[in-house]
Amino acid sequence: MQKFHIKKNDVVVVITGSHKGKQGKILEIRSNKNRAVVEGVAMMKKHLKKSTENPQGKIAEREGSIHVSNLMLLSRYEKSGRAKKSAAMAKA
């Protein structure tokens, strides 16, 4: 079992990638692939076939996974200068 700087139910911020700046709670950690599932981040669409539960079929949205190196604890993010820089850039 590998040790990570984050764990389940921590609030994290995405620091790089297309979801940069988004934050959410960790729902699951997949240690075999070094990835984490964060609530409300990296949403994916999954097409479901017709079944007894979904007589019409449907397109369901669910969270995708993000590599743990792209995540930072919210408390550590706020202490660092990153939060201040990103807020200043948003105003400009």
N, C-alpha and C. Protein backbone atom coordinates (compact mmCIF):
# COMPACT_ATOMS: atom_id res chain seq x y z
N MET A 1 0.84 -1.19 0.00
CA MET A 1 0.00 0.00 0.00
C MET A 1 0.88 1.24 0.00
N GLN A 2 0.60 2.12 -0.91
CA GLN A 2 1.39 3.33 -1.06
C GLN A 2 0.81 4.45 -0.19
N LYS A 3 1.65 5.34 0.29
CA LYS A 3 1.21 6.45 1.13
C LYS A 3 1.12 7.72 0.29
N PHE A 4 0.02 8.47 0.45
CA PHE A 4 -0.20 9.70 -0.30
C PHE A 4 -0.29 10.88 0.65
N HIS A 5 -0.17 12.08 0.11
CA HIS A 5 -0.29 13.30 0.90
C HIS A 5 -1.74 13.69 1.14
N ILE A 6 -2.67 12.95 0.54
CA ILE A 6 -4.10 13.21 0.71
C ILE A 6 -4.78 11.91 1.12
N LYS A 7 -5.98 12.02 1.68
CA LYS A 7 -6.74 10.83 2.03
C LYS A 7 -8.22 11.09 1.80
N LYS A 8 -9.02 10.06 1.92
CA LYS A 8 -10.45 10.15 1.68
C LYS A 8 -11.08 11.20 2.62
N ASN A 9 -12.04 11.94 2.09
CA ASN A 9 -12.78 13.01 2.79
C ASN A 9 -11.98 14.29 3.00
N ASP A 10 -10.75 14.39 2.50
CA ASP A 10 -10.01 15.66 2.54
C ASP A 10 -10.58 16.59 1.49
N VAL A 11 -10.51 17.90 1.76
CA VAL A 11 -10.91 18.90 0.76
C VAL A 11 -9.63 19.32 0.04
N VAL A 12 -9.64 19.20 -1.30
CA VAL A 12 -8.45 19.47 -2.10
C VAL A 12 -8.76 20.48 -3.20
N VAL A 13 -7.68 21.02 -3.77
CA VAL A 13 -7.75 21.94 -4.91
C VAL A 13 -6.94 21.33 -6.04
N VAL A 14 -7.45 21.43 -7.27
CA VAL A 14 -6.70 20.98 -8.44
C VAL A 14 -5.74 22.10 -8.81
N ILE A 15 -4.43 21.78 -8.87
CA ILE A 15 -3.43 22.82 -9.09
C ILE A 15 -2.92 22.88 -10.52
N THR A 16 -3.16 21.85 -11.33
CA THR A 16 -2.74 21.87 -12.73
C THR A 16 -3.77 21.16 -13.59
N GLY A 17 -3.71 21.41 -14.88
CA GLY A 17 -4.59 20.72 -15.81
C GLY A 17 -5.81 21.54 -16.17
N SER A 18 -6.72 20.93 -16.89
CA SER A 18 -7.89 21.64 -17.39
C SER A 18 -8.89 21.99 -16.30
N HIS A 19 -8.79 21.37 -15.14
CA HIS A 19 -9.70 21.64 -14.03
C HIS A 19 -9.03 22.48 -12.95
N LYS A 20 -7.99 23.20 -13.31
CA LYS A 20 -7.20 23.99 -12.37
C LYS A 20 -8.09 24.98 -11.61
N GLY A 21 -7.91 25.03 -10.30
CA GLY A 21 -8.65 25.96 -9.45
C GLY A 21 -9.91 25.38 -8.85
N LYS A 22 -10.42 24.28 -9.37
CA LYS A 22 -11.63 23.67 -8.82
C LYS A 22 -11.27 22.95 -7.52
N GLN A 23 -12.24 22.89 -6.62
CA GLN A 23 -12.00 22.21 -5.37
C GLN A 23 -13.16 21.30 -5.02
N GLY A 24 -12.89 20.30 -4.20
CA GLY A 24 -13.93 19.35 -3.81
C GLY A 24 -13.38 18.36 -2.81
N LYS A 25 -14.27 17.50 -2.33
CA LYS A 25 -13.92 16.48 -1.34
C LYS A 25 -13.52 15.20 -2.05
N ILE A 26 -12.53 14.50 -1.53
CA ILE A 26 -12.09 13.25 -2.13
C ILE A 26 -13.07 12.15 -1.77
N LEU A 27 -13.62 11.49 -2.79
CA LEU A 27 -14.57 10.41 -2.59
C LEU A 27 -13.88 9.06 -2.53
N GLU A 28 -12.79 8.92 -3.28
CA GLU A 28 -12.13 7.61 -3.39
C GLU A 28 -10.69 7.82 -3.84
N ILE A 29 -9.80 6.96 -3.34
CA ILE A 29 -8.41 6.97 -3.80
C ILE A 29 -8.12 5.61 -4.43
N ARG A 30 -7.60 5.65 -5.65
CA ARG A 30 -7.23 4.42 -6.37
C ARG A 30 -5.71 4.32 -6.34
N SER A 31 -5.20 3.63 -5.32
CA SER A 31 -3.76 3.61 -5.06
C SER A 31 -2.99 2.85 -6.13
N ASN A 32 -3.61 1.88 -6.79
CA ASN A 32 -2.88 1.13 -7.81
C ASN A 32 -2.55 1.97 -9.03
N LYS A 33 -3.31 3.05 -9.27
CA LYS A 33 -3.04 3.93 -10.42
C LYS A 33 -2.62 5.34 -10.00
N ASN A 34 -2.46 5.59 -8.70
CA ASN A 34 -2.08 6.91 -8.17
C ASN A 34 -3.08 7.98 -8.56
N ARG A 35 -4.37 7.67 -8.49
CA ARG A 35 -5.40 8.61 -8.89
C ARG A 35 -6.44 8.74 -7.79
N ALA A 36 -7.17 9.86 -7.80
CA ALA A 36 -8.22 10.12 -6.82
C ALA A 36 -9.47 10.62 -7.53
N VAL A 37 -10.63 10.30 -6.97
CA VAL A 37 -11.90 10.78 -7.48
C VAL A 37 -12.34 11.92 -6.57
N VAL A 38 -12.52 13.12 -7.16
CA VAL A 38 -12.87 14.31 -6.40
C VAL A 38 -14.29 14.72 -6.76
N GLU A 39 -15.08 15.03 -5.74
CA GLU A 39 -16.49 15.38 -5.91
C GLU A 39 -16.64 16.64 -6.76
N GLY A 40 -17.39 16.53 -7.86
CA GLY A 40 -17.69 17.68 -8.71
C GLY A 40 -16.59 18.10 -9.66
N VAL A 41 -15.51 17.35 -9.75
CA VAL A 41 -14.39 17.70 -10.62
C VAL A 41 -14.19 16.59 -11.65
N ALA A 42 -13.83 16.95 -12.87
CA ALA A 42 -13.57 16.00 -13.97
C ALA A 42 -14.80 15.15 -14.27
N MET A 43 -15.93 15.81 -14.43
CA MET A 43 -17.19 15.10 -14.70
C MET A 43 -17.14 14.45 -16.09
N MET A 44 -17.61 13.20 -16.15
CA MET A 44 -17.65 12.43 -17.38
C MET A 44 -19.09 12.02 -17.66
N LYS A 45 -19.40 11.80 -18.92
CA LYS A 45 -20.73 11.31 -19.29
C LYS A 45 -20.62 9.83 -19.63
N LYS A 46 -21.56 9.05 -19.10
CA LYS A 46 -21.60 7.62 -19.38
C LYS A 46 -22.96 7.28 -19.96
N HIS A 47 -22.96 6.66 -21.13
CA HIS A 47 -24.20 6.31 -21.79
C HIS A 47 -24.66 4.95 -21.27
N LEU A 48 -25.89 4.90 -20.76
CA LEU A 48 -26.45 3.67 -20.20
C LEU A 48 -27.49 3.08 -21.15
N LYS A 49 -27.42 1.76 -21.32
CA LYS A 49 -28.38 1.08 -22.19
C LYS A 49 -29.75 1.03 -21.54
N LYS A 50 -30.75 0.73 -22.34
CA LYS A 50 -32.09 0.55 -21.81
C LYS A 50 -32.09 -0.66 -20.87
N SER A 51 -32.78 -0.52 -19.73
CA SER A 51 -32.88 -1.61 -18.77
C SER A 51 -34.15 -1.41 -17.96
N THR A 52 -34.37 -2.28 -16.99
CA THR A 52 -35.56 -2.12 -16.15
C THR A 52 -35.46 -0.86 -15.29
N GLU A 53 -34.25 -0.49 -14.88
CA GLU A 53 -34.05 0.73 -14.10
C GLU A 53 -34.21 1.98 -14.97
N ASN A 54 -33.72 1.91 -16.21
CA ASN A 54 -33.78 3.03 -17.15
C ASN A 54 -34.48 2.59 -18.42
N PRO A 55 -35.82 2.62 -18.45
CA PRO A 55 -36.52 2.13 -19.64
C PRO A 55 -36.19 2.91 -20.92
N GLN A 56 -35.85 4.19 -20.79
CA GLN A 56 -35.50 4.99 -21.96
C GLN A 56 -33.99 4.97 -22.23
N GLY A 57 -33.21 4.48 -21.26
CA GLY A 57 -31.76 4.65 -21.34
C GLY A 57 -31.46 6.07 -20.91
N LYS A 58 -30.22 6.38 -20.61
CA LYS A 58 -29.91 7.76 -20.23
C LYS A 58 -28.42 8.02 -20.31
N ILE A 59 -28.09 9.29 -20.22
CA ILE A 59 -26.69 9.71 -20.17
C ILE A 59 -26.45 10.18 -18.75
N ALA A 60 -25.65 9.43 -18.01
CA ALA A 60 -25.38 9.75 -16.61
C ALA A 60 -24.05 10.46 -16.50
N GLU A 61 -23.98 11.44 -15.59
CA GLU A 61 -22.72 12.14 -15.34
C GLU A 61 -22.13 11.61 -14.05
N ARG A 62 -20.82 11.38 -14.06
CA ARG A 62 -20.13 10.93 -12.86
C ARG A 62 -18.72 11.51 -12.84
N GLU A 63 -18.08 11.44 -11.69
CA GLU A 63 -16.74 12.00 -11.54
C GLU A 63 -15.70 11.06 -12.17
N GLY A 64 -14.73 11.65 -12.84
CA GLY A 64 -13.59 10.91 -13.35
C GLY A 64 -12.48 11.00 -12.32
N SER A 65 -11.35 10.41 -12.60
CA SER A 65 -10.24 10.43 -11.64
C SER A 65 -9.17 11.44 -12.08
N ILE A 66 -8.42 11.92 -11.10
CA ILE A 66 -7.35 12.88 -11.32
C ILE A 66 -6.09 12.34 -10.65
N HIS A 67 -4.95 12.52 -11.28
CA HIS A 67 -3.70 12.05 -10.69
C HIS A 67 -3.42 12.82 -9.40
N VAL A 68 -2.94 12.12 -8.38
CA VAL A 68 -2.75 12.75 -7.06
C VAL A 68 -1.71 13.86 -7.09
N SER A 69 -0.79 13.84 -8.04
CA SER A 69 0.22 14.89 -8.12
C SER A 69 -0.39 16.23 -8.54
N ASN A 70 -1.60 16.21 -9.09
CA ASN A 70 -2.28 17.43 -9.51
C ASN A 70 -3.20 17.99 -8.43
N LEU A 71 -3.17 17.40 -7.24
CA LEU A 71 -4.04 17.82 -6.15
C LEU A 71 -3.23 18.35 -4.98
N MET A 72 -3.82 19.33 -4.25
CA MET A 72 -3.18 19.89 -3.06
C MET A 72 -4.26 20.11 -2.01
N LEU A 73 -3.94 19.84 -0.76
CA LEU A 73 -4.88 20.10 0.32
C LEU A 73 -5.28 21.57 0.33
N LEU A 74 -6.54 21.85 0.58
CA LEU A 74 -7.04 23.22 0.57
C LEU A 74 -6.33 24.08 1.62
N SER A 75 -6.10 23.53 2.80
CA SER A 75 -5.43 24.30 3.86
C SER A 75 -4.02 24.69 3.45
N ARG A 76 -3.30 23.79 2.83
CA ARG A 76 -1.94 24.07 2.37
C ARG A 76 -1.96 25.05 1.20
N TYR A 77 -2.97 24.94 0.34
CA TYR A 77 -3.11 25.83 -0.82
C TYR A 77 -3.34 27.27 -0.37
N GLU A 78 -4.17 27.44 0.65
CA GLU A 78 -4.46 28.79 1.15
C GLU A 78 -3.26 29.42 1.84
N LYS A 79 -2.43 28.61 2.50
CA LYS A 79 -1.22 29.12 3.16
C LYS A 79 -0.16 29.53 2.15
N SER A 80 -0.12 28.83 1.02
CA SER A 80 0.89 29.14 0.00
C SER A 80 0.50 30.40 -0.76
N GLY A 81 1.37 30.90 -1.57
CA GLY A 81 1.08 32.09 -2.36
C GLY A 81 0.22 31.82 -3.56
N ARG A 82 -0.07 30.56 -3.86
CA ARG A 82 -0.84 30.21 -5.06
C ARG A 82 -2.24 30.80 -5.04
N ALA A 83 -2.90 30.76 -3.90
CA ALA A 83 -4.28 31.25 -3.81
C ALA A 83 -4.34 32.74 -4.08
N LYS A 84 -3.38 33.48 -3.57
CA LYS A 84 -3.36 34.92 -3.76
C LYS A 84 -3.06 35.28 -5.21
N LYS A 85 -2.14 34.54 -5.84
CA LYS A 85 -1.79 34.80 -7.23
C LYS A 85 -2.97 34.55 -8.15
N SER A 86 -3.68 33.44 -7.94
CA SER A 86 -4.80 33.10 -8.82
C SER A 86 -5.96 34.09 -8.64
N ALA A 87 -6.16 34.59 -7.43
CA ALA A 87 -7.22 35.58 -7.20
C ALA A 87 -6.86 36.91 -7.87
N ALA A 88 -5.60 37.29 -7.83
CA ALA A 88 -5.16 38.53 -8.47
C ALA A 88 -5.25 38.43 -9.99
N MET A 89 -4.94 37.26 -10.54
CA MET A 89 -5.02 37.07 -11.99
C MET A 89 -6.47 37.08 -12.46
N ALA A 90 -7.39 36.61 -11.62
CA ALA A 90 -8.81 36.59 -12.01
C ALA A 90 -9.37 38.00 -12.10
N LYS A 91 -8.87 38.91 -11.26
CA LYS A 91 -9.34 40.29 -11.27
C LYS A 91 -8.83 41.05 -12.50
N ALA A 92 -7.62 40.70 -12.95
CA ALA A 92 -6.99 41.42 -14.08
C ALA A 92 -7.57 41.05 -15.42
